[in-house]
């Protein structure tokens, strides 16, 4: 029963989330609106669209929630496996989706503090590297063709690139 429902929910979610399904719904609403004058904009005419949309919405909520639940569990399982398989990762993160909001906020604050410390360390290392390069360039007495950015500017640029997730070299 579970597999049958999961398959049904996936197929239905895929179909109803498609552009043709959206256009079909727009066509139904337009046809209903155009038919208004023929039915004198009666209460029955209004009841048809209200009842239809309520039923469809009610059923779709369950299908979408089912799909989201399965996707969420699959994603968490994949992340947990990556954490477990990565030697440098902290295993305390496995299963954190079950923590309370306060516990999650505390973990997030600890992660942010560690990320900030790491970023400062990367900026210091980049500044030191740039200072060594500038010192070696000054010793070589090369005349630059155009003005070079300062070591501080290069360090800031490198830190920005690292923060964005790409290598600066």
C-alpha atoms as a PDB file:
ATOM      1  CA  UNK A   1       0.000   0.000   0.000  1.00  0.00           C
ATOM      2  CA  UNK A   2       2.827   2.419   0.915  1.00  0.00           C
ATOM      3  CA  UNK A   3       4.664   1.835  -2.377  1.00  0.00           C
ATOM      4  CA  UNK A   4       1.476   2.259  -4.386  1.00  0.00           C
ATOM      5  CA  UNK A   5       0.612   5.515  -2.622  1.00  0.00           C
ATOM      6  CA  UNK A   6       4.198   6.803  -2.961  1.00  0.00           C
ATOM      7  CA  UNK A   7       4.162   6.065  -6.677  1.00  0.00           C
ATOM      8  CA  UNK A   8       0.735   7.689  -7.065  1.00  0.00           C
ATOM      9  CA  UNK A   9       1.852  10.758  -5.077  1.00  0.00           C
ATOM     10  CA  UNK A  10       5.035  11.134  -7.146  1.00  0.00           C
ATOM     11  CA  UNK A  11       3.244  10.812 -10.477  1.00  0.00           C
ATOM     12  CA  UNK A  12       0.455  13.159  -9.396  1.00  0.00           C
ATOM     13  CA  UNK A  13       2.927  15.741  -8.052  1.00  0.00           C
ATOM     14  CA  UNK A  14       4.941  15.582 -11.271  1.00  0.00           C
ATOM     15  CA  UNK A  15       1.854  15.963 -13.461  1.00  0.00           C
ATOM     16  CA  UNK A  16       0.144  18.681 -11.418  1.00  0.00           C
ATOM     17  CA  UNK A  17       3.383  20.638 -11.158  1.00  0.00           C
ATOM     18  CA  UNK A  18       3.800  20.796 -14.920  1.00  0.00           C
ATOM     19  CA  UNK A  19       3.094  23.765 -17.194  1.00  0.00           C
ATOM     20  CA  UNK A  20       0.340  21.894 -19.095  1.00  0.00           C
ATOM     21  CA  UNK A  21      -1.487  21.212 -15.821  1.00  0.00           C
ATOM     22  CA  UNK A  22      -1.272  24.877 -14.888  1.00  0.00           C
ATOM     23  CA  UNK A  23      -2.576  25.912 -18.308  1.00  0.00           C
ATOM     24  CA  UNK A  24      -5.430  23.392 -17.989  1.00  0.00           C
ATOM     25  CA  UNK A  25      -6.409  24.935 -14.643  1.00  0.00           C
ATOM     26  CA  UNK A  26      -6.291  28.421 -16.137  1.00  0.00           C
ATOM     27  CA  UNK A  27      -8.514  27.199 -18.990  1.00  0.00           C
ATOM     28  CA  UNK A  28     -11.037  25.728 -16.526  1.00  0.00           C
ATOM     29  CA  UNK A  29     -11.180  28.990 -14.553  1.00  0.00           C
ATOM     30  CA  UNK A  30     -11.561  31.029 -17.759  1.00  0.00           C
ATOM     31  CA  UNK A  31     -14.325  28.710 -19.008  1.00  0.00           C
ATOM     32  CA  UNK A  32     -16.070  29.037 -15.649  1.00  0.00           C
ATOM     33  CA  UNK A  33     -15.739  32.843 -15.735  1.00  0.00           C
ATOM     34  CA  UNK A  34     -16.996  33.060 -19.331  1.00  0.00           C
ATOM     35  CA  UNK A  35     -19.977  30.843 -18.467  1.00  0.00           C
ATOM     36  CA  UNK A  36     -21.057  33.274 -15.728  1.00  0.00           C
ATOM     37  CA  UNK A  37     -23.431  35.354 -17.858  1.00  0.00           C
ATOM     38  CA  UNK A  38     -25.101  32.192 -19.209  1.00  0.00           C
ATOM     39  CA  UNK A  39     -25.890  31.088 -15.653  1.00  0.00           C
ATOM     40  CA  UNK A  40     -26.748  34.580 -14.456  1.00  0.00           C
ATOM     41  CA  UNK A  41     -23.797  34.579 -12.063  1.00  0.00           C
ATOM     42  CA  UNK A  42     -26.002  32.475  -9.780  1.00  0.00           C
ATOM     43  CA  UNK A  43     -25.033  31.057  -6.415  1.00  0.00           C
ATOM     44  CA  UNK A  44     -24.927  27.583  -7.968  1.00  0.00           C
ATOM     45  CA  UNK A  45     -22.463  28.846 -10.585  1.00  0.00           C
ATOM     46  CA  UNK A  46     -20.229  30.234  -7.812  1.00  0.00           C
ATOM     47  CA  UNK A  47     -20.645  27.073  -5.743  1.00  0.00           C
ATOM     48  CA  UNK A  48     -19.286  24.945  -8.597  1.00  0.00           C
ATOM     49  CA  UNK A  49     -15.890  26.679  -8.657  1.00  0.00           C
ATOM     50  CA  UNK A  50     -15.701  27.013  -4.871  1.00  0.00           C
ATOM     51  CA  UNK A  51     -16.446  23.335  -4.289  1.00  0.00           C
ATOM     52  CA  UNK A  52     -14.139  22.171  -7.063  1.00  0.00           C
ATOM     53  CA  UNK A  53     -11.169  24.236  -5.926  1.00  0.00           C
ATOM     54  CA  UNK A  54     -11.707  23.295  -2.276  1.00  0.00           C
ATOM     55  CA  UNK A  55     -11.721  19.566  -3.044  1.00  0.00           C
ATOM     56  CA  UNK A  56      -8.670  19.776  -5.290  1.00  0.00           C
ATOM     57  CA  UNK A  57      -6.770  21.888  -2.741  1.00  0.00           C
ATOM     58  CA  UNK A  58      -7.695  19.541   0.116  1.00  0.00           C
ATOM     59  CA  UNK A  59      -6.450  16.455  -1.733  1.00  0.00           C
ATOM     60  CA  UNK A  60      -3.332  18.153  -3.110  1.00  0.00           C
ATOM     61  CA  UNK A  61      -2.213  19.216   0.375  1.00  0.00           C
ATOM     62  CA  UNK A  62      -1.863  15.558   1.364  1.00  0.00           C
ATOM     63  CA  UNK A  63      -0.092  14.559  -1.831  1.00  0.00           C
ATOM     64  CA  UNK A  64       2.343  17.459  -1.645  1.00  0.00           C
ATOM     65  CA  UNK A  65       3.017  16.865   2.055  1.00  0.00           C
ATOM     66  CA  UNK A  66       3.706  13.192   1.385  1.00  0.00           C
ATOM     67  CA  UNK A  67       6.132  14.054  -1.396  1.00  0.00           C
ATOM     68  CA  UNK A  68       7.849  16.682   0.754  1.00  0.00           C
ATOM     69  CA  UNK A  69       8.150  14.295   3.696  1.00  0.00           C
ATOM     70  CA  UNK A  70       9.804  11.615   1.571  1.00  0.00           C
ATOM     71  CA  UNK A  71      12.115  14.137  -0.088  1.00  0.00           C
ATOM     72  CA  UNK A  72      13.071  15.556   3.309  1.00  0.00           C
ATOM     73  CA  UNK A  73      13.840  12.129   4.761  1.00  0.00           C
ATOM     74  CA  UNK A  74      15.857  11.168   1.678  1.00  0.00           C
ATOM     75  CA  UNK A  75      17.841  14.414   1.823  1.00  0.00           C
ATOM     76  CA  UNK A  76      18.542  14.048   5.551  1.00  0.00           C
ATOM     77  CA  UNK A  77      19.653  10.457   5.018  1.00  0.00           C
ATOM     78  CA  UNK A  78      22.047  11.515   2.273  1.00  0.00           C
ATOM     79  CA  UNK A  79      23.450  14.327   4.400  1.00  0.00           C
ATOM     80  CA  UNK A  80      23.856  12.023   7.392  1.00  0.00           C
ATOM     81  CA  UNK A  81      25.763   9.555   5.225  1.00  0.00           C
ATOM     82  CA  UNK A  82      28.039  12.310   3.920  1.00  0.00           C
ATOM     83  CA  UNK A  83      28.717  13.497   7.470  1.00  0.00           C
ATOM     84  CA  UNK A  84      29.425   9.953   8.616  1.00  0.00           C
ATOM     85  CA  UNK A  85      31.709   9.230   5.663  1.00  0.00           C
ATOM     86  CA  UNK A  86      33.701  12.459   5.929  1.00  0.00           C
ATOM     87  CA  UNK A  87      36.502  12.040   8.448  1.00  0.00           C
ATOM     88  CA  UNK A  88      36.755  15.762   9.252  1.00  0.00           C
ATOM     89  CA  UNK A  89      33.009  16.234   9.767  1.00  0.00           C
ATOM     90  CA  UNK A  90      31.502  16.324  13.225  1.00  0.00           C
ATOM     91  CA  UNK A  91      29.143  13.411  13.798  1.00  0.00           C
ATOM     92  CA  UNK A  92      27.087  15.536  16.204  1.00  0.00           C
ATOM     93  CA  UNK A  93      25.291  16.902  13.122  1.00  0.00           C
ATOM     94  CA  UNK A  94      23.749  13.549  12.242  1.00  0.00           C
ATOM     95  CA  UNK A  95      20.044  13.676  13.020  1.00  0.00           C
ATOM     96  CA  UNK A  96      19.918  17.363  14.017  1.00  0.00           C
ATOM     97  CA  UNK A  97      16.598  17.770  12.213  1.00  0.00           C
ATOM     98  CA  UNK A  98      15.018  16.185  15.295  1.00  0.00           C
ATOM     99  CA  UNK A  99      16.329  18.891  17.671  1.00  0.00           C
ATOM    100  CA  UNK A 100      14.220  21.705  19.077  1.00  0.00           C
ATOM    101  CA  UNK A 101      14.390  25.194  17.589  1.00  0.00           C
ATOM    102  CA  UNK A 102      16.486  26.414  20.533  1.00  0.00           C
ATOM    103  CA  UNK A 103      18.962  23.554  20.135  1.00  0.00           C
ATOM    104  CA  UNK A 104      19.211  24.217  16.387  1.00  0.00           C
ATOM    105  CA  UNK A 105      19.784  27.934  16.991  1.00  0.00           C
ATOM    106  CA  UNK A 106      22.574  27.119  19.477  1.00  0.00           C
ATOM    107  CA  UNK A 107      24.248  24.768  16.979  1.00  0.00           C
ATOM    108  CA  UNK A 108      23.890  27.387  14.255  1.00  0.00           C
ATOM    109  CA  UNK A 109      25.513  30.015  16.486  1.00  0.00           C
ATOM    110  CA  UNK A 110      28.447  27.661  17.218  1.00  0.00           C
ATOM    111  CA  UNK A 111      28.878  26.924  13.497  1.00  0.00           C
ATOM    112  CA  UNK A 112      28.737  30.627  12.636  1.00  0.00           C
ATOM    113  CA  UNK A 113      31.367  31.419  15.268  1.00  0.00           C
ATOM    114  CA  UNK A 114      33.649  28.678  13.889  1.00  0.00           C
ATOM    115  CA  UNK A 115      33.084  29.907  10.333  1.00  0.00           C
ATOM    116  CA  UNK A 116      33.921  33.480  11.383  1.00  0.00           C
ATOM    117  CA  UNK A 117      37.142  32.287  13.093  1.00  0.00           C
ATOM    118  CA  UNK A 118      38.072  30.308   9.989  1.00  0.00           C
ATOM    119  CA  UNK A 119      37.411  33.309   7.753  1.00  0.00           C
ATOM    120  CA  UNK A 120      39.611  35.545   9.919  1.00  0.00           C
ATOM    121  CA  UNK A 121      42.380  32.919   9.826  1.00  0.00           C
ATOM    122  CA  UNK A 122      42.103  32.726   6.030  1.00  0.00           C
ATOM    123  CA  UNK A 123      42.241  36.512   5.767  1.00  0.00           C
ATOM    124  CA  UNK A 124      45.364  36.618   7.979  1.00  0.00           C
ATOM    125  CA  UNK A 125      47.025  33.870   5.923  1.00  0.00           C
ATOM    126  CA  UNK A 126      46.145  35.660   2.675  1.00  0.00           C
ATOM    127  CA  UNK A 127      47.512  38.958   4.029  1.00  0.00           C
ATOM    128  CA  UNK A 128      50.743  37.247   5.123  1.00  0.00           C
ATOM    129  CA  UNK A 129      51.119  35.580   1.730  1.00  0.00           C
ATOM    130  CA  UNK A 130      50.506  38.862  -0.065  1.00  0.00           C
ATOM    131  CA  UNK A 131      53.010  40.615   2.202  1.00  0.00           C
ATOM    132  CA  UNK A 132      55.652  37.986   1.364  1.00  0.00           C
ATOM    133  CA  UNK A 133      54.910  38.380  -2.342  1.00  0.00           C
ATOM    134  CA  UNK A 134      55.097  42.167  -2.085  1.00  0.00           C
ATOM    135  CA  UNK A 135      58.387  41.915  -0.179  1.00  0.00           C
ATOM    136  CA  UNK A 136      59.878  39.549  -2.760  1.00  0.00           C
ATOM    137  CA  UNK A 137      58.678  41.798  -5.600  1.00  0.00           C
ATOM    138  CA  UNK A 138      60.224  44.826  -3.897  1.00  0.00           C
ATOM    139  CA  UNK A 139      63.498  42.944  -3.561  1.00  0.00           C
ATOM    140  CA  UNK A 140      63.506  42.114  -7.241  1.00  0.00           C
ATOM    141  CA  UNK A 141      63.078  45.843  -8.064  1.00  0.00           C
ATOM    142  CA  UNK A 142      60.680  45.214 -10.888  1.00  0.00           C
ATOM    143  CA  UNK A 143      58.835  48.229 -12.192  1.00  0.00           C
ATOM    144  CA  UNK A 144      55.141  47.349 -12.480  1.00  0.00           C
ATOM    145  CA  UNK A 145      53.481  48.101 -15.785  1.00  0.00           C
ATOM    146  CA  UNK A 146      50.434  49.362 -13.974  1.00  0.00           C
ATOM    147  CA  UNK A 147      49.620  50.026 -10.340  1.00  0.00           C
ATOM    148  CA  UNK A 148      49.069  46.890  -8.260  1.00  0.00           C
ATOM    149  CA  UNK A 149      46.404  46.676  -5.568  1.00  0.00           C
ATOM    150  CA  UNK A 150      47.709  46.864  -2.019  1.00  0.00           C
ATOM    151  CA  UNK A 151      48.365  43.714  -0.022  1.00  0.00           C
ATOM    152  CA  UNK A 152      45.361  44.548   2.145  1.00  0.00           C
ATOM    153  CA  UNK A 153      43.108  44.926  -0.919  1.00  0.00           C
ATOM    154  CA  UNK A 154      44.366  41.622  -2.368  1.00  0.00           C
ATOM    155  CA  UNK A 155      43.765  39.892   0.986  1.00  0.00           C
ATOM    156  CA  UNK A 156      40.245  41.286   1.178  1.00  0.00           C
ATOM    157  CA  UNK A 157      39.564  40.181  -2.400  1.00  0.00           C
ATOM    158  CA  UNK A 158      40.916  36.683  -1.707  1.00  0.00           C
ATOM    159  CA  UNK A 159      38.845  36.420   1.497  1.00  0.00           C
ATOM    160  CA  UNK A 160      35.746  37.503  -0.419  1.00  0.00           C
ATOM    161  CA  UNK A 161      36.423  34.846  -3.067  1.00  0.00           C
ATOM    162  CA  UNK A 162      36.940  32.185  -0.388  1.00  0.00           C
ATOM    163  CA  UNK A 163      33.725  33.200   1.328  1.00  0.00           C
ATOM    164  CA  UNK A 164      31.895  32.895  -1.995  1.00  0.00           C
ATOM    165  CA  UNK A 165      33.208  29.322  -2.218  1.00  0.00           C
ATOM    166  CA  UNK A 166      35.736  29.576  -4.967  1.00  0.00           C
ATOM    167  CA  UNK A 167      39.508  29.444  -4.946  1.00  0.00           C
ATOM    168  CA  UNK A 168      41.396  32.682  -5.456  1.00  0.00           C
ATOM    169  CA  UNK A 169      44.280  31.032  -7.316  1.00  0.00           C
END
